[in-house]
Amino acid sequence: MTAPTQAPAEGRTIYRRPLLLSNPTTYCPGCGHGIVHRLIAEVLEELGLGARTILVGSVGCSVFAYDFLRLDAVESPHGRAAAVATGVKRVRPDKIVFTYQGDGDLAAIGTAEIVHAAARGERFTTIFVNNGIYGMTGGQMAPTTLAGQKTTSSPLGRDVSTVGYPLPVTEMLSLLPGVQYAARTSVSDPVHVGKTKAAIKRAFEIQVEAKGFSIVEVLSTCPVGWGMTPTDAMHHLETDVMDFYATGVFVDRPKGIAPALPAPVGPASSPGGCSAAAPARPPSKMAGHRVEE
C-alpha cells in the first residue's frame, strides 16, 4: 500500500492507488510491453489523468494491458480499436481515450480504421507497439516485418518482390492534416526509453488540449517470435530495426513541425491512367520527412 496523503477530510481520498499494478508479468522474457505499460502509467499519474482515462485495447499481446494498468477499459474486435475509440471519445469528450495496439492489429486488419480516424483528426491517442511480427498467434510475418526477416509464414525471409516492403505507418499518417502529433521511439536503451516517455507525455498533452489525433509508435522486441535470446533481440532492435525505422518526431503541428511531402518516385502515369512500376527500392528512413530527435 502506498504512503498516506494529507490528513483525511470529508470527500478526500486517503490513499492513492497506483495505475501500474504489481501483478507478475505474463509477457515473454525480453518483451518490451512491460516497459511501455510503466511509461504510460507514469505519464498518466504525472499529468493527473488516471481517473478520467479510458483504455481501448486490441487483439494480440497488447490485450494483456488490462492486467497491468488500473484503468477503465473497453475491448475492441481485432483491428477495430480506432473505431471503438472514436465512439467512446465522441460520446464522452471529457474523457482521455487511448488505444493500445500492436503492429499486426493496427497495420494489418486495422489499417482502414487507423487511417480514417487520423484523417478525421479524432481527438484520441494511439500507442502503437511495433515488434515487427505477430507475436501472439505464432510468429507470422506482419506488415512491419523487415525485408529478408524469417518468420513462420516466411521461412525463407520476407520477399519484397512478392509481398512488398514494410509499412512505415507513422510516416504515412503524419501526412494527414488531422494528425497533430506523430513520433516513433524505441525501448532499446535507457536514453530511448526516456525519449519514449517524453513522446507519450506529449501525445496525451495534445489530447488534453483537444488539438486532434496523436500517435506514438514504439519499436520493441519479440525474442520468441524472432527466434532470438532477449540479448540478441535487443541488439537486433538497436541495429537492423532502428536502422530501417527512423526514430524521432515527425509531426508536432502546435510547435510548427510538419512533414514535407515526399517527391514522386518512378515514371509519370501513362495516358490511360495507370502508373508504370516504380524502381524497386526500400523506403529507407522516408526521405523528405522532417525528423526532430
Protein backbone atom coordinates (compact mmCIF):
# COMPACT_ATOMS: atom_id res chain seq x y z
CA MET A 1 0.00 0.00 0.00
CA THR A 2 1.29 3.45 -0.82
CA ALA A 3 2.03 6.08 1.80
CA PRO A 4 -0.94 8.11 3.07
CA THR A 5 -1.63 11.53 1.63
CA GLN A 6 -2.62 14.54 3.71
CA ALA A 7 -4.85 14.13 6.78
CA PRO A 8 -8.23 12.69 5.78
CA ALA A 9 -11.12 15.03 5.30
CA GLU A 10 -14.66 14.56 4.13
CA GLY A 11 -14.68 13.56 0.45
CA ARG A 12 -10.88 13.24 0.32
CA THR A 13 -9.02 10.15 -0.91
CA ILE A 14 -6.71 8.85 1.81
CA TYR A 15 -4.60 6.51 -0.32
CA ARG A 16 -3.61 6.85 -3.96
CA ARG A 17 -3.86 3.57 -5.85
CA PRO A 18 -1.05 3.37 -8.41
CA LEU A 19 -2.02 2.95 -12.04
CA LEU A 20 0.62 0.28 -12.62
CA LEU A 21 -0.47 -2.91 -10.92
CA SER A 22 2.04 -5.20 -9.22
CA ASN A 23 0.82 -8.38 -10.92
CA PRO A 24 3.56 -10.81 -12.02
CA THR A 25 4.32 -10.34 -15.68
CA THR A 26 2.88 -12.76 -18.21
CA TYR A 27 4.98 -11.44 -21.08
CA CYS A 28 7.84 -13.46 -22.54
CA PRO A 29 11.35 -12.67 -21.25
CA GLY A 30 12.75 -9.66 -23.09
CA CYS A 31 9.37 -8.36 -24.30
CA GLY A 32 9.06 -4.57 -24.33
CA HIS A 33 5.36 -4.30 -23.49
CA GLY A 34 6.05 -4.09 -19.76
CA ILE A 35 8.31 -1.07 -20.25
CA VAL A 36 5.63 0.70 -22.28
CA HIS A 37 2.98 -0.09 -19.64
CA ARG A 38 5.12 1.53 -16.97
CA LEU A 39 5.71 4.64 -19.06
CA ILE A 40 2.00 5.05 -19.76
CA ALA A 41 1.20 4.70 -16.05
CA GLU A 42 3.90 7.20 -15.06
CA VAL A 43 2.74 9.76 -17.61
CA LEU A 44 -0.94 9.49 -16.68
CA GLU A 45 -0.09 9.81 -12.99
CA GLU A 46 2.19 12.81 -13.56
CA LEU A 47 -0.50 14.54 -15.62
CA GLY A 48 -3.22 13.60 -13.13
CA LEU A 49 -5.29 11.88 -15.83
CA GLY A 50 -5.73 8.35 -14.46
CA ALA A 51 -9.24 8.80 -13.07
CA ARG A 52 -10.60 10.13 -16.36
CA THR A 53 -8.76 7.83 -18.78
CA ILE A 54 -10.31 5.02 -20.82
CA LEU A 55 -8.11 2.39 -22.47
CA VAL A 56 -9.30 0.78 -25.70
CA GLY A 57 -7.45 -2.49 -26.12
CA SER A 58 -6.91 -4.61 -29.19
CA VAL A 59 -6.34 -8.26 -30.02
CA GLY A 60 -2.80 -9.58 -29.69
CA CYS A 61 -0.21 -9.44 -26.92
CA SER A 62 -1.37 -5.88 -26.28
CA VAL A 63 -4.61 -7.27 -24.85
CA PHE A 64 -2.77 -8.09 -21.60
CA ALA A 65 -2.51 -4.37 -20.84
CA TYR A 66 -5.74 -4.82 -18.86
CA ASP A 67 -3.84 -6.98 -16.37
CA PHE A 68 -1.27 -4.31 -15.58
CA LEU A 69 -2.94 -0.90 -15.87
CA ARG A 70 -5.57 0.19 -13.35
CA LEU A 71 -7.76 1.98 -15.88
CA ASP A 72 -11.31 1.77 -17.17
CA ALA A 73 -11.07 -0.20 -20.40
CA VAL A 74 -13.03 -1.36 -23.43
CA GLU A 75 -12.09 -4.39 -25.51
CA SER A 76 -12.36 -3.96 -29.28
CA PRO A 77 -12.63 -6.58 -32.00
CA HIS A 78 -9.41 -7.33 -33.87
CA GLY A 79 -8.20 -4.18 -35.62
CA ARG A 80 -11.17 -2.02 -34.63
CA ALA A 81 -9.64 -0.18 -31.68
CA ALA A 82 -9.56 3.17 -33.51
CA ALA A 83 -13.25 2.81 -34.45
CA VAL A 84 -14.20 1.95 -30.87
CA ALA A 85 -12.08 4.81 -29.51
CA THR A 86 -13.81 7.19 -31.92
CA GLY A 87 -17.18 6.22 -30.49
CA VAL A 88 -16.03 6.42 -26.87
CA LYS A 89 -14.41 9.84 -27.31
CA ARG A 90 -17.38 11.30 -29.18
CA VAL A 91 -19.81 10.10 -26.52
CA ARG A 92 -17.53 11.14 -23.64
CA PRO A 93 -15.39 14.03 -24.90
CA ASP A 94 -14.47 14.82 -21.28
CA LYS A 95 -12.52 11.56 -21.03
CA ILE A 96 -8.93 10.86 -22.04
CA VAL A 97 -9.12 7.97 -24.52
CA PHE A 98 -6.25 5.97 -25.96
CA THR A 99 -5.80 2.81 -27.96
CA TYR A 100 -3.03 0.35 -27.18
CA GLN A 101 -2.24 -1.70 -30.29
CA GLY A 102 0.38 -3.95 -31.83
CA ASP A 103 1.58 -3.86 -35.41
CA GLY A 104 -0.36 -6.95 -36.51
CA ASP A 105 -3.55 -5.37 -35.19
CA LEU A 106 -3.06 -1.75 -36.26
CA ALA A 107 -1.12 -2.14 -39.50
CA ALA A 108 -2.96 -5.14 -40.98
CA ILE A 109 -6.62 -5.78 -40.17
CA GLY A 110 -6.93 -2.33 -38.58
CA THR A 111 -5.34 -0.26 -41.35
CA ALA A 112 -8.59 1.33 -42.55
CA GLU A 113 -9.72 2.22 -39.02
CA ILE A 114 -6.50 3.96 -38.02
CA VAL A 115 -6.08 5.79 -41.34
CA HIS A 116 -9.58 7.23 -41.37
CA ALA A 117 -9.58 8.11 -37.66
CA ALA A 118 -6.34 10.01 -38.24
CA ALA A 119 -7.74 11.66 -41.38
CA ARG A 120 -10.75 12.87 -39.39
CA GLY A 121 -8.48 14.19 -36.66
CA GLU A 122 -10.25 12.20 -33.95
CA ARG A 123 -9.20 13.51 -30.56
CA PHE A 124 -7.74 10.39 -29.03
CA THR A 125 -4.22 8.99 -28.67
CA THR A 126 -2.75 5.79 -30.09
CA ILE A 127 0.16 3.92 -28.52
CA PHE A 128 1.43 1.62 -31.27
CA VAL A 129 3.90 -1.08 -30.22
CA ASN A 130 5.81 -2.32 -33.27
CA ASN A 131 7.76 -5.54 -32.82
CA GLY A 132 7.57 -6.46 -36.49
CA ILE A 133 5.75 -9.77 -36.09
CA TYR A 134 2.53 -11.48 -35.00
CA GLY A 135 3.74 -12.35 -31.51
CA MET A 136 0.62 -13.97 -30.04
CA THR A 137 -0.54 -16.18 -32.90
CA GLY A 138 2.66 -18.00 -33.82
CA GLY A 139 5.25 -15.56 -35.15
CA GLN A 140 3.86 -14.94 -38.62
CA MET A 141 5.00 -12.11 -40.91
CA ALA A 142 3.37 -8.74 -40.17
CA PRO A 143 3.09 -5.65 -42.39
CA THR A 144 6.03 -4.21 -40.45
CA THR A 145 8.33 -7.25 -40.76
CA LEU A 146 11.70 -6.26 -42.21
CA ALA A 147 12.77 -7.35 -45.69
CA GLY A 148 14.51 -10.70 -45.52
CA GLN A 149 13.31 -11.41 -41.97
CA LYS A 150 12.36 -15.04 -41.37
CA THR A 151 9.01 -15.80 -39.75
CA THR A 152 6.78 -18.85 -39.51
CA SER A 153 4.90 -17.70 -42.63
CA SER A 154 8.04 -16.51 -44.45
CA PRO A 155 10.60 -19.20 -43.55
CA LEU A 156 12.95 -18.08 -46.32
CA GLY A 157 12.69 -14.43 -45.32
CA ARG A 158 10.31 -11.65 -46.38
CA ASP A 159 10.46 -11.39 -50.16
CA VAL A 160 9.62 -7.81 -51.12
CA SER A 161 9.12 -8.80 -54.75
CA THR A 162 6.02 -10.77 -53.81
CA VAL A 163 4.71 -9.30 -50.54
CA GLY A 164 6.03 -5.73 -50.74
CA TYR A 165 8.03 -3.59 -48.35
CA PRO A 166 7.39 -3.00 -44.64
CA LEU A 167 4.80 -0.32 -43.92
CA PRO A 168 6.13 2.93 -42.38
CA VAL A 169 2.82 3.56 -40.65
CA THR A 170 3.70 6.63 -38.63
CA GLU A 171 5.28 8.47 -41.56
CA MET A 172 2.19 7.77 -43.68
CA LEU A 173 -0.19 9.00 -41.02
CA SER A 174 1.92 12.11 -40.43
CA LEU A 175 0.99 13.35 -43.91
CA LEU A 176 -2.65 13.73 -42.84
CA PRO A 177 -3.63 17.23 -41.61
CA GLY A 178 -5.78 15.71 -38.86
CA VAL A 179 -2.69 14.27 -37.18
CA GLN A 180 -1.36 16.80 -34.68
CA TYR A 181 1.45 14.72 -33.19
CA ALA A 182 3.28 11.66 -34.56
CA ALA A 183 6.52 10.19 -33.26
CA ARG A 184 8.46 6.95 -33.38
CA THR A 185 10.57 5.92 -30.42
CA SER A 186 12.25 2.80 -29.05
CA VAL A 187 12.84 0.86 -25.85
CA SER A 188 16.35 -0.18 -26.92
CA ASP A 189 18.21 1.53 -24.07
CA PRO A 190 17.60 3.96 -21.17
CA VAL A 191 18.11 7.04 -23.36
CA HIS A 192 15.47 5.91 -25.86
CA VAL A 193 13.14 4.81 -23.06
CA GLY A 194 13.33 8.37 -21.74
CA LYS A 195 12.50 9.72 -25.19
CA THR A 196 9.59 7.31 -25.39
CA LYS A 197 8.17 8.63 -22.13
CA ALA A 198 8.52 12.22 -23.36
CA ALA A 199 6.72 11.35 -26.59
CA ILE A 200 3.88 9.59 -24.77
CA LYS A 201 3.51 12.58 -22.47
CA ARG A 202 3.38 14.97 -25.41
CA ALA A 203 0.78 12.81 -27.17
CA PHE A 204 -1.52 12.94 -24.14
CA GLU A 205 -0.95 16.68 -23.76
CA ILE A 206 -2.15 17.12 -27.36
CA GLN A 207 -5.37 15.32 -26.41
CA VAL A 208 -5.83 17.37 -23.24
CA GLU A 209 -5.56 20.48 -25.41
CA ALA A 210 -8.17 18.99 -27.81
CA LYS A 211 -5.86 19.55 -30.78
CA GLY A 212 -6.56 16.35 -32.71
CA PHE A 213 -5.19 12.87 -33.28
CA SER A 214 -1.84 11.83 -31.77
CA ILE A 215 0.21 8.65 -32.18
CA VAL A 216 3.41 7.27 -30.68
CA GLU A 217 4.95 4.24 -32.36
CA VAL A 218 7.29 2.34 -30.05
CA LEU A 219 9.85 -0.03 -31.60
CA SER A 220 10.05 -3.09 -29.38
CA THR A 221 11.32 -6.66 -29.27
CA CYS A 222 9.75 -10.10 -29.60
CA PRO A 223 12.56 -12.53 -28.76
CA VAL A 224 10.37 -15.65 -29.03
CA GLY A 225 8.79 -14.57 -32.32
CA TRP A 226 12.17 -13.56 -33.70
CA GLY A 227 13.79 -16.81 -32.57
CA MET A 228 16.42 -14.93 -30.55
CA THR A 229 17.62 -14.63 -26.99
CA PRO A 230 16.50 -11.44 -25.21
CA THR A 231 20.05 -10.07 -25.53
CA ASP A 232 20.27 -10.82 -29.26
CA ALA A 233 16.78 -9.41 -29.80
CA MET A 234 17.75 -6.13 -28.17
CA HIS A 235 20.86 -5.94 -30.35
CA HIS A 236 18.71 -6.60 -33.43
CA LEU A 237 16.39 -3.79 -32.34
CA GLU A 238 19.27 -1.35 -31.87
CA THR A 239 20.81 -2.14 -35.25
CA ASP A 240 18.66 -3.60 -38.01
CA VAL A 241 15.23 -2.41 -36.83
CA MET A 242 16.23 1.13 -35.86
CA ASP A 243 18.37 1.43 -38.98
CA PHE A 244 15.27 0.89 -41.10
CA TYR A 245 12.68 2.69 -38.97
CA ALA A 246 13.81 6.23 -38.18
CA THR A 247 13.05 7.44 -34.67
CA GLY A 248 12.03 10.98 -33.80
CA VAL A 249 9.11 13.39 -34.02
CA PHE A 250 7.55 13.55 -37.47
CA VAL A 251 4.71 15.92 -36.63
CA ASP A 252 4.03 18.35 -33.81
CA ARG A 253 1.80 20.88 -35.52
CA PRO A 254 1.34 23.14 -32.47
CA LYS A 255 5.14 23.50 -32.45
CA GLY A 256 5.33 24.05 -36.20
CA ILE A 257 6.81 20.65 -37.08
CA ALA A 258 5.20 19.07 -40.12
CA PRO A 259 6.43 16.67 -42.82
CA ALA A 260 7.45 17.72 -46.29
CA LEU A 261 5.61 15.77 -48.95
CA PRO A 262 7.92 13.14 -50.47
CA ALA A 263 8.91 13.59 -54.11
CA PRO A 264 7.21 11.24 -56.62
CA VAL A 265 9.10 8.06 -57.41
CA GLY A 266 9.22 6.44 -60.83
CA PRO A 267 7.85 7.47 -64.24
CA ALA A 268 4.71 9.53 -64.60
CA SER A 269 1.33 7.94 -65.13
CA SER A 270 0.53 6.65 -68.59
CA PRO A 271 -2.21 8.33 -70.69
CA GLY A 272 -4.57 5.53 -69.68
CA GLY A 273 -4.22 6.48 -66.03
CA CYS A 274 -2.16 3.50 -64.85
CA SER A 275 1.25 4.19 -63.39
CA ALA A 276 4.22 2.23 -64.62
CA ALA A 277 6.05 0.23 -61.99
CA ALA A 278 8.45 2.30 -59.92
CA PRO A 279 12.02 1.12 -59.48
CA ALA A 280 12.29 -1.26 -56.56
CA ARG A 281 13.88 0.42 -53.55
CA PRO A 282 13.23 0.28 -49.81
CA PRO A 283 11.56 3.35 -48.23
CA SER A 284 14.62 3.83 -46.04
CA LYS A 285 14.02 6.45 -43.35
CA MET A 286 11.34 8.08 -45.56
CA ALA A 287 13.44 10.80 -47.19
CA GLY A 288 11.58 14.09 -47.34
CA HIS A 289 10.23 13.97 -43.78
CA ARG A 290 11.49 16.29 -41.14
CA VAL A 291 12.53 14.31 -38.09
CA GLU A 292 13.09 16.03 -34.76
CA GLU A 293 15.08 13.91 -32.29
